C-alpha atoms as a PDB file:
ATOM      1  CA  MET A   1      -0.393  -0.241  -0.328  1.00  0.00           C
ATOM      2  CA  SER A   2       1.182   3.074  -1.146  1.00  0.00           C
ATOM      3  CA  THR A   3       2.120   6.193   1.772  1.00  0.00           C
ATOM      4  CA  ALA A   4      -1.086   8.255   0.152  1.00  0.00           C
ATOM      5  CA  GLN A   5      -3.777   5.010   0.504  1.00  0.00           C
ATOM      6  CA  ILE A   6      -2.070   4.782   4.025  1.00  0.00           C
ATOM      7  CA  LEU A   7      -2.726   8.119   5.194  1.00  0.00           C
ATOM      8  CA  ARG A   8      -6.204   8.236   3.468  1.00  0.00           C
ATOM      9  CA  ILE A   9      -7.132   5.353   5.140  1.00  0.00           C
ATOM     10  CA  SER A  10      -6.293   6.594   8.732  1.00  0.00           C
ATOM     11  CA  ILE A  11      -8.243   9.668   7.798  1.00  0.00           C
ATOM     12  CA  GLU A  12     -11.562   7.750   6.821  1.00  0.00           C
ATOM     13  CA  LYS A  13     -10.685   5.679  10.301  1.00  0.00           C
ATOM     14  CA  PHE A  14     -10.253   9.376  12.483  1.00  0.00           C
ATOM     15  CA  GLN A  15     -13.166  10.914  10.831  1.00  0.00           C
ATOM     16  CA  ALA A  16     -15.424   7.701  11.997  1.00  0.00           C
ATOM     17  CA  LYS A  17     -14.553   8.977  15.547  1.00  0.00           C
ATOM     18  CA  SER A  18     -14.972  12.592  15.306  1.00  0.00           C
ATOM     19  CA  SER A  19     -17.205  13.721  12.648  1.00  0.00           C
ATOM     20  CA  ARG A  20     -19.666  14.898  14.673  1.00  0.00           C
ATOM     21  CA  PRO A  21     -20.215  17.851  17.562  1.00  0.00           C
ATOM     22  CA  GLN A  22     -18.397  17.228  20.796  1.00  0.00           C
ATOM     23  CA  PRO A  23     -19.997  14.661  22.653  1.00  0.00           C
ATOM     24  CA  ASN A  24     -21.687  16.046  26.177  1.00  0.00           C
ATOM     25  CA  ASP A  25     -20.370  12.600  27.301  1.00  0.00           C
ATOM     26  CA  ILE A  26     -16.783  13.064  28.809  1.00  0.00           C
ATOM     27  CA  TYR A  27     -15.927   9.783  28.501  1.00  0.00           C
ATOM     28  CA  GLU A  28     -16.416   9.980  24.685  1.00  0.00           C
ATOM     29  CA  ALA A  29     -15.404  13.562  24.354  1.00  0.00           C
ATOM     30  CA  GLN A  30     -11.543  12.310  25.405  1.00  0.00           C
ATOM     31  CA  GLN A  31     -11.986   9.694  22.709  1.00  0.00           C
ATOM     32  CA  TRP A  32     -13.280  12.115  20.014  1.00  0.00           C
ATOM     33  CA  GLU A  33     -10.893  14.733  20.707  1.00  0.00           C
ATOM     34  CA  MET A  34      -7.989  12.880  20.363  1.00  0.00           C
ATOM     35  CA  ALA A  35      -9.417  11.280  17.003  1.00  0.00           C
ATOM     36  CA  GLY A  36     -10.019  14.604  15.850  1.00  0.00           C
ATOM     37  CA  ALA A  37      -6.504  15.965  16.085  1.00  0.00           C
ATOM     38  CA  HIS A  38      -5.138  12.803  14.759  1.00  0.00           C
ATOM     39  CA  ALA A  39      -7.135  13.574  12.146  1.00  0.00           C
ATOM     40  CA  MET A  40      -5.704  17.002  11.401  1.00  0.00           C
ATOM     41  CA  LEU A  41      -2.307  15.837  11.973  1.00  0.00           C
ATOM     42  CA  ILE A  42      -2.558  13.271   9.207  1.00  0.00           C
ATOM     43  CA  ASN A  43      -4.300  15.231   6.827  1.00  0.00           C
ATOM     44  CA  GLY A  44      -1.422  17.507   7.462  1.00  0.00           C
ATOM     45  CA  LEU A  45       1.258  15.392   6.631  1.00  0.00           C
ATOM     46  CA  PHE A  46      -1.101  14.019   3.899  1.00  0.00           C
ATOM     47  CA  ASN A  47      -1.207  17.196   1.915  1.00  0.00           C
ATOM     48  CA  VAL A  48       2.535  18.016   2.600  1.00  0.00           C
ATOM     49  CA  TYR A  49       3.631  14.780   0.597  1.00  0.00           C
ATOM     50  CA  GLU A  50       0.954  15.578  -1.709  1.00  0.00           C
ATOM     51  CA  LYS A  51       2.299  18.782  -2.390  1.00  0.00           C
ATOM     52  CA  SER A  52       5.793  18.621  -1.858  1.00  0.00           C
ATOM     53  CA  THR A  53       6.508  18.127  -5.535  1.00  0.00           C
ATOM     54  CA  SER A  54       4.648  20.752  -7.168  1.00  0.00           C
ATOM     55  CA  VAL A  55       6.084  23.752  -5.363  1.00  0.00           C
ATOM     56  CA  PRO A  56       6.653  26.895  -7.480  1.00  0.00           C
ATOM     57  CA  LYS A  57      10.000  27.697  -8.473  1.00  0.00           C
ATOM     58  CA  GLY A  58      11.260  30.302  -5.608  1.00  0.00           C
ATOM     59  CA  LYS A  59       8.865  29.266  -3.003  1.00  0.00           C
ATOM     60  CA  GLU A  60      10.374  26.230  -1.970  1.00  0.00           C
ATOM     61  CA  GLN A  61      11.986  27.837   1.333  1.00  0.00           C
ATOM     62  CA  LEU A  62       8.060  28.986   2.303  1.00  0.00           C
ATOM     63  CA  PHE A  63       7.366  25.134   1.687  1.00  0.00           C
ATOM     64  CA  VAL A  64       9.772  23.777   4.275  1.00  0.00           C
ATOM     65  CA  GLU A  65       8.750  26.189   6.473  1.00  0.00           C
ATOM     66  CA  TYR A  66       5.468  24.860   6.173  1.00  0.00           C
ATOM     67  CA  ALA A  67       6.269  21.245   6.637  1.00  0.00           C
ATOM     68  CA  LEU A  68       8.093  22.211   9.499  1.00  0.00           C
ATOM     69  CA  GLN A  69       4.695  23.400  11.113  1.00  0.00           C
ATOM     70  CA  TRP A  70       3.506  20.037  11.016  1.00  0.00           C
ATOM     71  CA  VAL A  71       6.576  18.474  12.557  1.00  0.00           C
ATOM     72  CA  ALA A  72       6.079  21.192  15.154  1.00  0.00           C
ATOM     73  CA  ALA A  73       2.236  20.334  15.918  1.00  0.00           C
ATOM     74  CA  LEU A  74       3.194  16.272  16.152  1.00  0.00           C
ATOM     75  CA  ASP A  75       6.171  17.329  18.571  1.00  0.00           C
ATOM     76  CA  HIS A  76       3.654  19.701  20.770  1.00  0.00           C
ATOM     77  CA  HIS A  77       1.008  16.681  20.403  1.00  0.00           C
ATOM     78  CA  HIS A  78       3.238  14.319  21.770  1.00  0.00           C
ATOM     79  CA  ASP A  79       5.265  16.268  24.481  1.00  0.00           C
ATOM     80  CA  TRP A  80       1.250  17.152  25.778  1.00  0.00           C
ATOM     81  CA  GLU A  81       0.299  13.576  26.150  1.00  0.00           C
ATOM     82  CA  GLU A  82       3.757  12.521  27.795  1.00  0.00           C
ATOM     83  CA  ASN A  83       4.218  15.007  30.061  1.00  0.00           C
ATOM     84  CA  LEU A  84       0.795  16.430  30.578  1.00  0.00           C
ATOM     85  CA  CYS A  85      -2.357  14.884  29.958  1.00  0.00           C
ATOM     86  CA  TYR A  86      -1.427  11.175  30.539  1.00  0.00           C
ATOM     87  CA  PRO A  87      -0.028  11.577  33.709  1.00  0.00           C
ATOM     88  CA  LEU A  88      -3.008  12.964  34.760  1.00  0.00           C
ATOM     89  CA  PHE A  89      -4.464   9.188  34.066  1.00  0.00           C
ATOM     90  CA  ALA A  90      -2.303   7.893  36.394  1.00  0.00           C
ATOM     91  CA  PRO A  91      -2.748   5.640  38.464  1.00  0.00           C
ATOM     92  CA  LYS A  92      -6.154   4.390  38.010  1.00  0.00           C
ATOM     93  CA  PHE A  93      -5.981   4.477  33.932  1.00  0.00           C
ATOM     94  CA  ASN A  94      -1.984   3.251  32.252  1.00  0.00           C
ATOM     95  CA  THR A  95      -1.315   4.978  29.159  1.00  0.00           C
ATOM     96  CA  ASP A  96       2.753   3.325  29.570  1.00  0.00           C
ATOM     97  CA  ALA A  97       2.114   1.151  26.647  1.00  0.00           C
ATOM     98  CA  ILE A  98       0.532   4.230  24.345  1.00  0.00           C
ATOM     99  CA  VAL A  99       3.642   6.301  25.247  1.00  0.00           C
ATOM    100  CA  ALA A 100       6.071   3.876  24.484  1.00  0.00           C
ATOM    101  CA  GLU A 101       4.699   3.340  21.176  1.00  0.00           C
ATOM    102  CA  HIS A 102       6.235   6.683  20.436  1.00  0.00           C
ATOM    103  CA  GLU A 103       9.652   5.383  19.972  1.00  0.00           C
ATOM    104  CA  THR A 104       8.235   3.515  17.085  1.00  0.00           C
ATOM    105  CA  PHE A 105       8.685   6.379  15.124  1.00  0.00           C
ATOM    106  CA  HIS A 106      10.471   9.093  17.185  1.00  0.00           C
ATOM    107  CA  ALA A 107      13.524   8.569  14.918  1.00  0.00           C
ATOM    108  CA  GLY A 108      11.985   8.841  11.385  1.00  0.00           C
ATOM    109  CA  VAL A 109      10.276  12.025  12.230  1.00  0.00           C
ATOM    110  CA  GLU A 110      13.155  13.513  13.865  1.00  0.00           C
ATOM    111  CA  LYS A 111      15.339  12.357  10.761  1.00  0.00           C
ATOM    112  CA  LEU A 112      12.582  14.048   8.448  1.00  0.00           C
ATOM    113  CA  LYS A 113      12.824  17.456  10.917  1.00  0.00           C
ATOM    114  CA  ALA A 114      16.455  17.976  10.403  1.00  0.00           C
ATOM    115  CA  TYR A 115      16.510  17.318   7.190  1.00  0.00           C
ATOM    116  CA  LEU A 116      14.026  20.101   6.702  1.00  0.00           C
ATOM    117  CA  VAL A 117      15.632  22.342   9.263  1.00  0.00           C
ATOM    118  CA  SER A 118      19.104  22.114   7.016  1.00  0.00           C
ATOM    119  CA  CYS A 119      16.869  23.360   3.860  1.00  0.00           C
ATOM    120  CA  LEU A 120      16.634  26.543   5.759  1.00  0.00           C
ATOM    121  CA  PRO A 121      19.296  29.606   6.358  1.00  0.00           C
ATOM    122  CA  PHE A 122      20.705  29.687   9.165  1.00  0.00           C
ATOM    123  CA  GLY A 123      19.323  31.448  11.714  1.00  0.00           C
ATOM    124  CA  THR A 124      15.625  30.758  10.289  1.00  0.00           C
ATOM    125  CA  THR A 125      12.371  30.877  12.838  1.00  0.00           C
ATOM    126  CA  TRP A 126      10.410  27.768  12.361  1.00  0.00           C
ATOM    127  CA  GLY A 127       7.480  25.996  13.932  1.00  0.00           C
ATOM    128  CA  TYR A 128       6.778  27.500  17.342  1.00  0.00           C
ATOM    129  CA  GLY A 129       9.970  29.649  17.858  1.00  0.00           C
ATOM    130  CA  GLN A 130      12.781  27.209  17.110  1.00  0.00           C
ATOM    131  CA  VAL A 131      15.520  28.432  15.242  1.00  0.00           C
ATOM    132  CA  ALA A 132      17.538  27.035  12.421  1.00  0.00           C
ATOM    133  CA  GLY A 133      21.368  26.628  14.095  1.00  0.00           C
ATOM    134  CA  THR A 134      24.244  26.413  11.923  1.00  0.00           C
ATOM    135  CA  HIS A 135      24.452  24.199   9.237  1.00  0.00           C
ATOM    136  CA  GLU A 136      25.018  23.514   5.707  1.00  0.00           C
ATOM    137  CA  GLN A 137      22.016  24.582   3.807  1.00  0.00           C
ATOM    138  CA  GLN A 138      20.708  21.744   1.714  1.00  0.00           C
ATOM    139  CA  THR A 139      18.487  22.424  -1.684  1.00  0.00           C
ATOM    140  CA  PHE A 140      14.819  20.889  -1.194  1.00  0.00           C
ATOM    141  CA  ASP A 141      14.831  17.538  -2.784  1.00  0.00           C
ATOM    142  CA  SER A 142      10.899  16.488  -2.783  1.00  0.00           C
ATOM    143  CA  GLU A 143      11.697  12.993  -3.530  1.00  0.00           C
ATOM    144  CA  HIS A 144      13.996  12.888  -0.851  1.00  0.00           C
ATOM    145  CA  MET A 145      11.537  14.115   1.984  1.00  0.00           C
ATOM    146  CA  LYS A 146       8.814  11.521   0.693  1.00  0.00           C
ATOM    147  CA  THR A 147      11.306   9.257   1.428  1.00  0.00           C
ATOM    148  CA  LEU A 148      11.788  10.191   4.810  1.00  0.00           C
ATOM    149  CA  VAL A 149       7.886  10.159   4.917  1.00  0.00           C
ATOM    150  CA  ASP A 150       7.538   6.900   3.651  1.00  0.00           C
ATOM    151  CA  GLY A 151      10.057   5.387   6.342  1.00  0.00           C
ATOM    152  CA  PHE A 152       8.098   6.426   9.418  1.00  0.00           C
ATOM    153  CA  VAL A 153       4.084   6.340   7.928  1.00  0.00           C
ATOM    154  CA  ASN A 154       3.227   2.601   8.852  1.00  0.00           C
ATOM    155  CA  GLU A 155       4.399   3.096  12.892  1.00  0.00           C
ATOM    156  CA  LEU A 156       3.337   6.554  13.013  1.00  0.00           C
ATOM    157  CA  THR A 157      -0.341   5.890  11.693  1.00  0.00           C
ATOM    158  CA  GLN A 158      -0.436   2.021  13.569  1.00  0.00           C
ATOM    159  CA  HIS A 159      -0.071   4.352  16.704  1.00  0.00           C
ATOM    160  CA  LEU A 160      -2.591   6.718  16.275  1.00  0.00           C
ATOM    161  CA  ILE A 161      -5.438   4.210  15.291  1.00  0.00           C
ATOM    162  CA  GLN A 162      -4.057   2.160  18.058  1.00  0.00           C
ATOM    163  CA  GLU A 163      -4.329   5.284  20.651  1.00  0.00           C
ATOM    164  CA  ILE A 164      -7.917   5.455  19.806  1.00  0.00           C
ATOM    165  CA  SER A 165      -8.646   2.013  20.416  1.00  0.00           C
ATOM    166  CA  TYR A 166      -7.318   2.408  23.786  1.00  0.00           C
ATOM    167  CA  LEU A 167      -9.382   5.643  24.730  1.00  0.00           C
ATOM    168  CA  GLU A 168     -12.795   3.792  23.992  1.00  0.00           C
ATOM    169  CA  PRO A 169     -14.901   5.396  27.017  1.00  0.00           C
ATOM    170  CA  ASP A 170     -16.051   2.467  28.358  1.00  0.00           C
ATOM    171  CA  ALA A 171     -12.500   1.333  29.117  1.00  0.00           C
ATOM    172  CA  LEU A 172     -12.329   4.795  30.956  1.00  0.00           C
ATOM    173  CA  ARG A 173     -15.350   4.150  32.480  1.00  0.00           C
ATOM    174  CA  ALA A 174     -13.946   0.857  33.798  1.00  0.00           C
ATOM    175  CA  SER A 175     -10.890   2.200  35.291  1.00  0.00           C
ATOM    176  CA  GLY A 176     -12.720   3.861  38.057  1.00  0.00           C
ATOM    177  CA  LEU A 177     -11.840   7.571  36.855  1.00  0.00           C
ATOM    178  CA  THR A 178     -14.594   9.496  38.043  1.00  0.00           C
ATOM    179  CA  GLU A 179     -16.680  12.235  35.596  1.00  0.00           C
ATOM    180  CA  ALA A 180     -14.679  15.124  37.742  1.00  0.00           C
ATOM    181  CA  GLU A 181     -11.030  13.167  37.511  1.00  0.00           C
ATOM    182  CA  VAL A 182     -11.836  13.496  33.541  1.00  0.00           C
ATOM    183  CA  ASN A 183     -13.628  16.512  33.567  1.00  0.00           C
ATOM    184  CA  HIS A 184      -9.580  17.859  35.189  1.00  0.00           C
ATOM    185  CA  ILE A 185      -8.134  16.584  32.348  1.00  0.00           C
ATOM    186  CA  ALA A 186      -9.842  18.260  30.022  1.00  0.00           C
ATOM    187  CA  GLU A 187      -9.663  21.500  31.421  1.00  0.00           C
ATOM    188  CA  VAL A 188      -6.027  21.116  32.101  1.00  0.00           C
ATOM    189  CA  SER A 189      -5.144  20.461  28.515  1.00  0.00           C
ATOM    190  CA  GLU A 190      -7.910  23.186  27.405  1.00  0.00           C
ATOM    191  CA  LYS A 191      -6.024  25.456  29.473  1.00  0.00           C
ATOM    192  CA  HIS A 192      -2.827  24.297  27.596  1.00  0.00           C
ATOM    193  CA  MET A 193      -3.858  24.830  24.230  1.00  0.00           C
ATOM    194  CA  LYS A 194      -5.327  28.365  24.807  1.00  0.00           C
ATOM    195  CA  SER A 195      -1.868  29.272  25.618  1.00  0.00           C
ATOM    196  CA  MET A 196      -0.115  28.065  22.554  1.00  0.00           C
ATOM    197  CA  PRO A 197       0.710  30.863  19.755  1.00  0.00           C
ATOM    198  CA  PRO A 198      -3.059  31.590  17.707  1.00  0.00           C
ATOM    199  CA  THR A 199      -0.748  32.543  14.811  1.00  0.00           C
ATOM    200  CA  THR A 200       0.632  29.222  13.839  1.00  0.00           C
ATOM    201  CA  PHE A 201      -0.324  26.513  16.434  1.00  0.00           C
ATOM    202  CA  LEU A 202      -4.739  27.482  15.995  1.00  0.00           C
ATOM    203  CA  VAL A 203      -4.413  28.154  12.565  1.00  0.00           C
ATOM    204  CA  TYR A 204      -2.985  25.523  11.712  1.00  0.00           C
ATOM    205  CA  THR A 205      -5.375  23.175  13.327  1.00  0.00           C
ATOM    206  CA  ILE A 206      -8.404  24.666  12.235  1.00  0.00           C
ATOM    207  CA  ILE A 207      -7.340  24.557   8.942  1.00  0.00           C
ATOM    208  CA  HIS A 208      -6.077  21.061   8.964  1.00  0.00           C
ATOM    209  CA  ALA A 209      -8.960  19.415  10.143  1.00  0.00           C
ATOM    210  CA  PRO A 210     -10.567  17.389   7.646  1.00  0.00           C
ATOM    211  CA  LYS A 211     -13.033  19.048   5.694  1.00  0.00           C
ATOM    212  CA  GLY A 212     -16.714  18.745   7.993  1.00  0.00           C
ATOM    213  CA  SER A 213     -14.597  18.001  10.979  1.00  0.00           C
ATOM    214  CA  PHE A 214     -15.755  19.763  14.311  1.00  0.00           C
ATOM    215  CA  PHE A 215     -12.853  19.812  15.539  1.00  0.00           C
ATOM    216  CA  PRO A 216     -11.206  21.404  17.247  1.00  0.00           C
ATOM    217  CA  PRO A 217     -13.884  22.618  19.945  1.00  0.00           C
ATOM    218  CA  VAL A 218     -13.406  26.651  19.319  1.00  0.00           C
ATOM    219  CA  PRO A 219     -16.193  28.766  19.520  1.00  0.00           C
ATOM    220  CA  GLY A 220     -17.655  30.069  16.335  1.00  0.00           C
ATOM    221  CA  VAL A 221     -16.201  33.732  16.929  1.00  0.00           C
ATOM    222  CA  VAL A 222     -12.711  32.095  17.044  1.00  0.00           C
ATOM    223  CA  ARG A 223     -13.025  29.267  14.026  1.00  0.00           C
ATOM    224  CA  ASN A 224     -15.197  31.656  11.685  1.00  0.00           C
ATOM    225  CA  ILE A 225     -13.539  35.301  12.528  1.00  0.00           C
ATOM    226  CA  LEU A 226     -10.054  35.638  14.890  1.00  0.00           C
ATOM    227  CA  ALA A 227      -8.380  32.897  12.876  1.00  0.00           C
ATOM    228  CA  PRO A 228      -9.633  33.670   9.634  1.00  0.00           C
ATOM    229  CA  TYR A 229      -9.424  37.251   9.469  1.00  0.00           C
ATOM    230  CA  ILE A 230      -6.554  37.925  12.287  1.00  0.00           C
ATOM    231  CA  PHE A 231      -4.208  35.208  13.330  1.00  0.00           C
ATOM    232  CA  TYR A 232      -3.850  34.029  10.094  1.00  0.00           C
ATOM    233  CA  PHE A 233      -2.560  36.834   8.282  1.00  0.00           C
ATOM    234  CA  PRO A 234       0.805  37.221   9.539  1.00  0.00           C
ATOM    235  CA  ASN A 235       1.880  33.740   8.351  1.00  0.00           C
ATOM    236  CA  ARG A 236      -0.410  33.692   5.513  1.00  0.00           C
ATOM    237  CA  LYS A 237       2.536  33.072   2.811  1.00  0.00           C
ATOM    238  CA  LEU A 238       2.531  29.531   4.817  1.00  0.00           C
ATOM    239  CA  TRP A 239      -1.467  28.705   4.511  1.00  0.00           C
ATOM    240  CA  GLN A 240      -0.682  28.856   0.718  1.00  0.00           C
ATOM    241  CA  PHE A 241       0.020  25.264   1.132  1.00  0.00           C
ATOM    242  CA  ALA A 242      -3.036  24.507   3.350  1.00  0.00           C
ATOM    243  CA  PRO A 243      -6.091  22.390   1.838  1.00  0.00           C
ATOM    244  CA  ASP A 244      -8.443  23.710   0.210  1.00  0.00           C
ATOM    245  CA  GLN A 245     -11.264  24.665   2.628  1.00  0.00           C
END
Protein backbone atom coordinates (compact mmCIF):
# COMPACT_ATOMS: atom_id res chain seq x y z
CA MET A 1 0.00 0.00 0.00
CA SER A 2 1.35 3.44 -0.89
CA THR A 3 2.01 6.13 1.69
CA ALA A 4 -0.81 8.25 0.24
CA GLN A 5 -3.25 5.33 0.60
CA ILE A 6 -2.14 4.69 4.18
CA LEU A 7 -2.71 8.32 5.06
CA ARG A 8 -6.14 8.49 3.38
CA ILE A 9 -7.37 5.33 5.11
CA SER A 10 -6.11 6.59 8.47
CA ILE A 11 -7.94 9.90 8.06
CA GLU A 12 -11.17 7.99 7.31
CA LYS A 13 -10.77 5.94 10.49
CA PHE A 14 -10.25 9.04 12.62
CA GLN A 15 -13.16 10.81 10.95
CA ALA A 16 -15.43 7.89 11.81
CA LYS A 17 -14.87 8.76 15.48
CA SER A 18 -14.79 12.56 15.25
CA SER A 19 -17.02 13.78 12.40
CA ARG A 20 -19.81 14.90 14.73
CA PRO A 21 -20.13 17.66 17.32
CA GLN A 22 -18.15 17.20 20.52
CA PRO A 23 -20.07 14.73 22.73
CA ASN A 24 -21.54 15.95 26.01
CA ASP A 25 -20.40 12.74 27.69
CA ILE A 26 -16.96 13.54 29.12
CA TYR A 27 -15.64 9.99 28.54
CA GLU A 28 -16.74 10.00 24.89
CA ALA A 29 -15.29 13.50 24.49
CA GLN A 30 -11.80 12.24 25.35
CA GLN A 31 -11.83 9.79 22.45
CA TRP A 32 -13.56 12.26 20.13
CA GLU A 33 -10.95 14.95 20.72
CA MET A 34 -8.02 12.58 20.28
CA ALA A 35 -9.50 11.25 17.03
CA GLY A 36 -10.06 14.80 15.81
CA ALA A 37 -6.47 15.74 16.60
CA HIS A 38 -5.18 12.66 14.81
CA ALA A 39 -7.33 13.37 11.74
CA MET A 40 -5.90 16.89 11.64
CA LEU A 41 -2.29 15.73 11.99
CA ILE A 42 -2.53 13.04 9.34
CA ASN A 43 -4.41 15.36 6.99
CA GLY A 44 -1.57 17.83 7.45
CA LEU A 45 1.04 15.19 6.64
CA PHE A 46 -0.95 13.99 3.63
CA ASN A 47 -1.08 17.56 2.31
CA VAL A 48 2.68 18.04 2.74
CA TYR A 49 3.37 14.71 1.05
CA GLU A 50 1.10 15.37 -1.93
CA LYS A 51 2.05 19.01 -2.55
CA SER A 52 5.79 18.60 -2.11
CA THR A 53 6.34 17.70 -5.78
CA SER A 54 4.52 20.77 -7.16
CA VAL A 55 6.02 23.62 -5.14
CA PRO A 56 6.34 26.71 -7.36
CA LYS A 57 9.90 27.72 -8.19
CA GLY A 58 11.17 30.27 -5.70
CA LYS A 59 8.79 29.14 -2.95
CA GLU A 60 10.76 26.15 -1.71
CA GLN A 61 11.80 27.80 1.56
CA LEU A 62 8.24 28.82 2.35
CA PHE A 63 7.10 25.24 1.71
CA VAL A 64 9.81 23.89 4.01
CA GLU A 65 8.68 26.28 6.74
CA TYR A 66 5.10 25.13 6.12
CA ALA A 67 6.13 21.46 6.36
CA LEU A 68 7.90 22.22 9.64
CA GLN A 69 4.60 23.48 11.03
CA TRP A 70 3.44 19.86 10.76
CA VAL A 71 6.55 18.66 12.58
CA ALA A 72 5.97 21.24 15.31
CA ALA A 73 2.32 20.21 15.63
CA LEU A 74 3.21 16.52 15.97
CA ASP A 75 6.02 17.21 18.44
CA HIS A 76 3.70 19.35 20.53
CA HIS A 77 0.95 16.73 20.45
CA HIS A 78 3.18 14.02 21.84
CA ASP A 79 4.92 16.31 24.32
CA TRP A 80 1.47 17.27 25.64
CA GLU A 81 0.52 13.62 25.97
CA GLU A 82 3.71 12.53 27.70
CA ASN A 83 4.19 15.45 30.09
CA LEU A 84 0.75 16.90 30.76
CA CYS A 85 -2.23 14.86 29.70
CA TYR A 86 -1.47 11.18 30.31
CA PRO A 87 0.18 11.63 33.72
CA LEU A 88 -3.24 12.86 34.90
CA PHE A 89 -4.79 9.49 34.00
CA ALA A 90 -2.53 7.72 36.49
CA PRO A 91 -2.76 5.60 38.52
CA LYS A 92 -6.25 4.44 37.55
CA PHE A 93 -5.74 4.29 33.78
CA ASN A 94 -2.33 3.08 32.63
CA THR A 95 -1.07 4.86 29.51
CA ASP A 96 2.45 3.39 29.46
CA ALA A 97 1.75 1.32 26.35
CA ILE A 98 0.49 4.37 24.47
CA VAL A 99 3.55 6.45 25.31
CA ALA A 100 5.96 3.59 24.58
CA GLU A 101 4.69 3.46 21.00
CA HIS A 102 6.09 6.95 20.38
CA GLU A 103 9.55 5.43 20.09
CA THR A 104 8.48 3.39 17.06
CA PHE A 105 8.41 6.47 14.82
CA HIS A 106 10.36 9.11 16.78
CA ALA A 107 13.67 8.54 15.00
CA GLY A 108 12.01 8.77 11.59
CA VAL A 109 10.28 12.03 12.42
CA GLU A 110 13.55 13.42 13.78
CA LYS A 111 15.27 12.60 10.47
CA LEU A 112 12.54 14.46 8.61
CA LYS A 113 12.85 17.43 10.95
CA ALA A 114 16.63 17.55 10.62
CA TYR A 115 16.41 17.40 6.84
CA LEU A 116 13.80 20.15 6.59
CA VAL A 117 15.71 22.42 8.97
CA SER A 118 18.86 21.82 6.92
CA CYS A 119 17.04 23.33 3.94
CA LEU A 120 16.54 26.63 5.79
CA PRO A 121 19.04 29.49 6.00
CA PHE A 122 20.85 29.88 9.32
CA GLY A 123 18.76 31.84 11.81
CA THR A 124 15.37 31.12 10.24
CA THR A 125 12.57 30.87 12.80
CA TRP A 126 10.30 27.86 12.35
CA GLY A 127 7.56 26.00 14.22
CA TYR A 128 6.72 27.60 17.54
CA GLY A 129 9.78 29.81 17.85
CA GLN A 130 12.57 27.33 17.10
CA VAL A 131 15.57 28.69 15.18
CA ALA A 132 17.67 26.94 12.54
CA GLY A 133 21.22 26.67 13.85
CA THR A 134 24.53 26.59 12.03
CA HIS A 135 24.53 24.02 9.23
CA GLU A 136 25.39 23.45 5.60
CA GLN A 137 22.21 24.50 3.83
CA GLN A 138 20.77 21.92 1.47
CA THR A 139 18.54 22.35 -1.55
CA PHE A 140 15.04 21.04 -0.94
CA ASP A 141 14.44 17.71 -2.67
CA SER A 142 10.80 16.62 -2.57
CA GLU A 143 11.57 13.01 -3.44
CA HIS A 144 14.03 12.74 -0.56
CA MET A 145 11.49 14.27 1.79
CA LYS A 146 8.84 11.78 0.66
CA THR A 147 11.27 8.90 1.19
CA LEU A 148 11.80 10.05 4.76
CA VAL A 149 8.02 10.10 5.33
CA ASP A 150 7.73 6.65 3.76
CA GLY A 151 10.16 5.45 6.41
CA PHE A 152 7.90 6.13 9.38
CA VAL A 153 4.34 6.41 8.07
CA ASN A 154 3.34 2.85 8.97
CA GLU A 155 4.51 3.10 12.56
CA LEU A 156 3.01 6.57 13.04
CA THR A 157 -0.42 5.74 11.67
CA GLN A 158 -0.57 2.38 13.47
CA HIS A 159 0.14 4.14 16.75
CA LEU A 160 -2.41 6.88 16.19
CA ILE A 161 -5.11 4.35 15.24
CA GLN A 162 -4.28 2.10 18.19
CA GLU A 163 -4.37 5.06 20.57
CA ILE A 164 -8.01 5.71 19.70
CA SER A 165 -8.89 2.14 20.66
CA TYR A 166 -7.08 2.54 23.99
CA LEU A 167 -9.33 5.49 24.78
CA GLU A 168 -12.64 3.69 24.36
CA PRO A 169 -15.17 5.40 26.68
CA ASP A 170 -16.12 2.12 28.36
CA ALA A 171 -12.46 1.45 29.16
CA LEU A 172 -12.08 4.89 30.74
CA ARG A 173 -15.20 4.32 32.84
CA ALA A 174 -14.07 0.84 33.86
CA SER A 175 -10.73 2.21 35.06
CA GLY A 176 -12.50 4.01 37.90
CA LEU A 177 -11.74 7.51 36.65
CA THR A 178 -14.58 9.70 37.93
CA GLU A 179 -16.34 12.33 35.86
CA ALA A 180 -14.67 14.97 38.03
CA GLU A 181 -11.23 13.53 37.29
CA VAL A 182 -11.84 13.32 33.55
CA ASN A 183 -13.25 16.86 33.59
CA HIS A 184 -10.07 18.00 35.32
CA ILE A 185 -7.96 16.36 32.59
CA ALA A 186 -10.02 18.15 29.95
CA GLU A 187 -9.75 21.50 31.74
CA VAL A 188 -5.97 21.26 32.17
CA SER A 189 -5.57 20.33 28.51
CA GLU A 190 -7.85 23.14 27.35
CA LYS A 191 -5.91 25.69 29.38
CA HIS A 192 -2.66 24.46 27.85
CA MET A 193 -4.00 24.57 24.28
CA LYS A 194 -5.19 28.15 24.82
CA SER A 195 -1.64 29.10 25.85
CA MET A 196 -0.24 28.06 22.47
CA PRO A 197 0.46 30.72 19.80
CA PRO A 198 -2.74 31.40 17.84
CA THR A 199 -0.99 32.55 14.64
CA THR A 200 0.66 29.14 14.20
CA PHE A 201 -0.77 26.43 16.45
CA LEU A 202 -4.42 27.48 16.37
CA VAL A 203 -4.57 28.44 12.70
CA TYR A 204 -2.78 25.25 11.67
CA THR A 205 -5.18 23.11 13.70
CA ILE A 206 -8.28 24.73 12.23
CA ILE A 207 -7.25 24.76 8.58
CA HIS A 208 -5.89 21.21 8.61
CA ALA A 209 -8.89 19.53 10.20
CA PRO A 210 -10.57 17.55 7.37
CA LYS A 211 -13.58 19.12 5.69
CA GLY A 212 -16.73 18.64 7.72
CA SER A 213 -14.84 18.18 10.98
CA PHE A 214 -16.13 19.78 14.18
CA PHE A 215 -12.59 19.65 15.58
CA PRO A 216 -11.10 21.65 17.20
CA PRO A 217 -13.84 22.51 19.72
CA VAL A 218 -13.47 26.29 19.57
CA PRO A 219 -16.17 28.98 19.69
CA GLY A 220 -17.65 30.10 16.39
CA VAL A 221 -16.14 33.56 16.72
CA VAL A 222 -12.68 32.00 16.87
CA ARG A 223 -13.24 29.59 13.98
CA ASN A 224 -15.08 31.99 11.68
CA ILE A 225 -13.64 35.42 12.49
CA LEU A 226 -10.47 35.52 14.59
CA ALA A 227 -8.68 32.58 12.95
CA PRO A 228 -9.35 33.35 9.26
CA TYR A 229 -9.22 37.17 9.43
CA ILE A 230 -6.77 38.05 12.21
CA PHE A 231 -4.59 35.12 13.33
CA TYR A 232 -4.16 33.87 9.75
CA PHE A 233 -2.54 37.07 8.48
CA PRO A 234 1.01 36.95 10.00
CA ASN A 235 1.84 33.58 8.41
CA ARG A 236 -0.36 33.78 5.34
CA LYS A 237 2.63 32.98 3.08
CA LEU A 238 2.82 29.55 4.72
CA TRP A 239 -0.90 28.85 4.59
CA GLN A 240 -0.91 29.17 0.79
CA PHE A 241 0.10 25.49 0.84
CA ALA A 242 -2.73 24.42 3.18
CA PRO A 243 -5.58 22.19 1.97
CA ASP A 244 -8.42 23.88 0.13
CA GLN A 245 -11.13 24.81 2.59
